[in-house]
Protein backbone atom coordinates (compact mmCIF):
# COMPACT_ATOMS: atom_id res chain seq x y z
CA UNK A 1 9.62 -87.25 255.60
CA UNK A 2 7.39 -87.52 258.64
CA UNK A 3 10.50 -89.63 260.16
CA UNK A 4 12.91 -86.74 259.44
CA UNK A 5 9.37 -83.99 260.65
CA UNK A 6 9.10 -85.91 263.71
CA UNK A 7 12.76 -86.28 264.56
CA UNK A 8 13.70 -82.66 264.12
CA UNK A 9 10.28 -81.44 266.20
CA UNK A 10 11.61 -83.79 268.94
CA UNK A 11 15.12 -82.24 269.02
CA UNK A 12 13.98 -78.87 269.01
CA UNK A 13 12.09 -79.46 271.71
CA UNK A 14 15.00 -81.34 273.56
CA UNK A 15 12.27 -84.23 273.97
CA UNK A 16 13.66 -87.98 273.30
CA UNK A 17 13.24 -89.56 270.23
CA UNK A 18 10.95 -92.86 269.69
CA UNK A 19 13.27 -94.97 267.35
CA UNK A 20 11.93 -95.51 263.79
CA UNK A 21 10.85 -99.17 264.54
CA UNK A 22 9.13 -98.54 267.81
CA UNK A 23 6.95 -95.52 266.24
CA UNK A 24 5.94 -97.62 263.46
CA UNK A 25 6.03 -101.04 264.83
CA UNK A 26 4.31 -99.98 268.07
CA UNK A 27 2.68 -96.96 267.65
CA UNK A 28 1.83 -96.70 264.13
CA UNK A 29 1.30 -100.70 263.58
CA UNK A 30 -1.45 -102.05 260.86
CA UNK A 31 -1.96 -104.20 263.79
CA UNK A 32 -3.15 -102.10 266.17
CA UNK A 33 -5.86 -100.88 263.58
CA UNK A 34 -8.51 -103.11 264.35
CA UNK A 35 -10.68 -104.53 260.94
CA UNK A 36 -14.42 -104.58 261.82
CA UNK A 37 -17.00 -106.52 259.70
CA UNK A 38 -20.36 -105.08 259.05
CA UNK A 39 -21.40 -106.53 262.47
CA UNK A 40 -19.52 -104.08 265.05
CA UNK A 41 -18.17 -106.01 267.75
CA UNK A 42 -14.84 -106.25 269.22
CA UNK A 43 -14.07 -110.33 268.19
CA UNK A 44 -12.09 -111.14 271.69
CA UNK A 45 -15.53 -109.96 273.49
CA UNK A 46 -17.61 -111.71 271.25
CA UNK A 47 -15.29 -114.69 271.67
CA UNK A 48 -15.74 -114.32 275.17
CA UNK A 49 -19.52 -114.59 275.14
CA UNK A 50 -19.52 -117.63 273.18
CA UNK A 51 -17.35 -119.57 275.22
CA UNK A 52 -18.47 -118.26 278.39
CA UNK A 53 -21.87 -120.50 277.88
CA UNK A 54 -20.12 -123.26 278.26
CA UNK A 55 -17.39 -122.85 280.00
CA UNK A 56 -17.20 -126.12 282.06
CA UNK A 57 -17.00 -127.94 278.35
CA UNK A 58 -14.17 -126.48 276.87
CA UNK A 59 -11.32 -128.08 275.11
CA UNK A 60 -7.79 -127.09 275.80
CA UNK A 61 -7.50 -124.64 272.93
CA UNK A 62 -10.97 -123.27 273.63
CA UNK A 63 -9.90 -122.62 277.18
CA UNK A 64 -7.01 -120.94 276.50
CA UNK A 65 -8.93 -118.65 274.08
CA UNK A 66 -11.61 -118.04 276.74
CA UNK A 67 -8.92 -117.28 279.43
CA UNK A 68 -7.17 -114.81 276.35
CA UNK A 69 -10.85 -113.42 275.87
CA UNK A 70 -11.27 -113.18 279.61
CA UNK A 71 -8.01 -111.53 280.46
CA UNK A 72 -9.19 -108.74 277.16
CA UNK A 73 -12.10 -107.91 279.05
CA UNK A 74 -10.68 -107.34 282.47
CA UNK A 75 -7.91 -105.40 280.95
CA UNK A 76 -10.31 -103.25 279.25
CA UNK A 77 -12.29 -102.52 282.32
CA UNK A 78 -9.29 -101.46 283.84
CA UNK A 79 -8.44 -99.18 281.31
CA UNK A 80 -11.52 -97.76 280.99
CA UNK A 81 -11.62 -96.47 284.42
CA UNK A 82 -7.93 -95.21 283.64
CA UNK A 83 -9.30 -93.19 280.87
CA UNK A 84 -12.23 -91.75 282.99
CA UNK A 85 -9.35 -90.95 285.67
CA UNK A 86 -7.25 -89.09 282.90
CA UNK A 87 -10.60 -87.24 281.35
CA UNK A 88 -11.65 -85.90 284.92
CA UNK A 89 -7.80 -85.18 285.92
CA UNK A 90 -8.15 -82.61 282.82
CA UNK A 91 -11.52 -81.49 283.27
CA UNK A 92 -10.55 -80.25 286.79
CA UNK A 93 -7.13 -78.79 285.28
CA UNK A 94 -5.44 -81.30 287.64
CA UNK A 95 -2.76 -82.20 284.25
CA UNK A 96 -0.65 -79.14 282.87
CA UNK A 97 -1.78 -77.05 279.81
CA UNK A 98 0.71 -79.23 277.70
CA UNK A 99 -1.08 -82.05 278.07
CA UNK A 100 -4.36 -83.64 275.73
CA UNK A 101 -6.04 -86.82 275.80
CA UNK A 102 -7.33 -87.74 272.25
CA UNK A 103 -9.92 -90.91 272.26
CA UNK A 104 -9.69 -92.60 268.69
CA UNK A 105 -12.43 -94.73 267.07
CA UNK A 106 -14.02 -95.58 264.06
CA UNK A 107 -17.09 -95.24 262.41
CA UNK A 108 -18.43 -96.80 259.25
CA UNK A 109 -20.85 -94.50 256.70
CA UNK A 110 -22.76 -96.11 253.83
CA UNK A 111 -23.12 -94.40 251.09
CA UNK A 112 -25.02 -96.60 248.73
CA UNK A 113 -26.09 -100.14 248.85
CA UNK A 114 -23.43 -102.19 250.42
CA UNK A 115 -20.80 -99.31 249.85
CA UNK A 116 -19.02 -98.09 253.39
CA UNK A 117 -16.72 -95.38 254.26
CA UNK A 118 -14.27 -95.52 257.06
CA UNK A 119 -15.03 -92.52 259.72
CA UNK A 120 -11.72 -92.37 261.64
CA UNK A 121 -13.29 -89.58 264.37
CA UNK A 122 -10.83 -88.21 266.80
CA UNK A 123 -11.65 -86.46 269.84
CA UNK A 124 -9.35 -84.45 271.93
CA UNK A 125 -9.98 -83.25 275.44
CA UNK A 126 -7.55 -80.27 276.66
CA UNK A 127 -7.48 -77.97 279.09
CA UNK A 128 -7.15 -74.18 278.38
CA UNK A 129 -7.87 -70.31 279.73
CA UNK A 130 -9.41 -72.19 282.63
CA UNK A 131 -11.61 -74.18 280.85
CA UNK A 132 -12.12 -78.01 279.80
CA UNK A 133 -12.33 -77.92 276.17
CA UNK A 134 -13.17 -80.69 273.39
CA UNK A 135 -12.89 -80.98 269.57
CA UNK A 136 -14.00 -83.43 267.03
CA UNK A 137 -12.20 -84.05 264.04
CA UNK A 138 -13.22 -86.58 260.95
CA UNK A 139 -11.00 -87.88 258.65
CA UNK A 140 -12.99 -89.91 255.91
CA UNK A 141 -11.86 -92.73 253.79
CA UNK A 142 -13.36 -94.56 251.25
CA UNK A 143 -12.20 -97.84 252.04
CA UNK A 144 -13.72 -99.52 254.64
CA UNK A 145 -10.78 -100.86 256.66
CA UNK A 146 -8.46 -98.54 255.00
CA UNK A 147 -4.65 -98.43 257.99
CA UNK A 148 -2.80 -96.34 255.16
CA UNK A 149 -5.55 -93.52 255.93
CA UNK A 150 -5.02 -93.78 259.61
CA UNK A 151 -1.31 -93.89 259.54
CA UNK A 152 -0.86 -91.36 257.09
CA UNK A 153 -3.68 -89.10 258.99
CA UNK A 154 -1.75 -89.46 262.41
CA UNK A 155 1.62 -88.63 260.60
CA UNK A 156 0.25 -85.35 259.18
CA UNK A 157 -1.26 -84.39 262.09
CA UNK A 158 1.95 -84.68 264.30
CA UNK A 159 3.60 -82.08 261.73
CA UNK A 160 0.12 -79.85 261.24
CA UNK A 161 -2.03 -79.75 263.85
CA UNK A 162 -1.40 -76.38 265.68
CA UNK A 163 -2.95 -77.82 269.11
CA UNK A 164 -0.45 -80.90 269.12
CA UNK A 165 2.31 -79.10 268.68
CA UNK A 166 1.84 -76.90 271.53
CA UNK A 167 1.78 -80.34 273.83
CA UNK A 168 4.17 -82.31 275.48
CA UNK A 169 2.22 -85.32 276.37
CA UNK A 170 -0.16 -86.94 274.39
CA UNK A 171 -2.45 -89.34 275.92
CA UNK A 172 -4.26 -91.48 273.34
CA UNK A 173 -7.07 -94.06 273.75
CA UNK A 174 -8.75 -96.35 270.96
CA UNK A 175 -11.64 -98.41 270.98
CA UNK A 176 -11.39 -98.69 275.23
CA UNK A 177 -8.12 -99.26 275.17
CA UNK A 178 -5.07 -97.76 275.98
CA UNK A 179 -3.05 -96.68 272.70
CA UNK A 180 -0.53 -95.10 273.43
CA UNK A 181 1.05 -92.14 275.34
CA UNK A 182 3.60 -89.65 273.81
CA UNK A 183 5.67 -87.55 276.04
CA UNK A 184 7.50 -86.05 273.26
CA UNK A 185 5.56 -83.23 271.11
């Protein structure tokens, strides 16, 4: 259902359609949804923090892990700078009004002793009527790491959100990383 709606939406607007495999295996892939524990810290950043304390005494596997985590930190810095640049450009009206920046993040809501809900938070940044605007959207799931809810939420939004349906370019960041740029809708 979602795929046919997506394809017909792209075709009706004369946009290139991403293949099913690219859309679902890269953009909406379960692995792109980060699992968190009660301690909220990026596993790669934590690994870098631990391994950097003894960088001169790492075995071969630890050196590989250290290099991966170091690259992760460097990429985060580049991506964060890019995010700021995009957000400022939208705020200053330098992108067309059919471009939107969406920041995806997650929070945990503790409802009772030991019980957590996942809050998928989307922040929309866009330029409309000569004004920089933003909106917050919250989607609560009764599971802590609910991939299905995230994928379903995005599928529903891409079909039904009036603001998104007016956009030709959707730039999505998630947890400091560029998640995807959709130049279709």
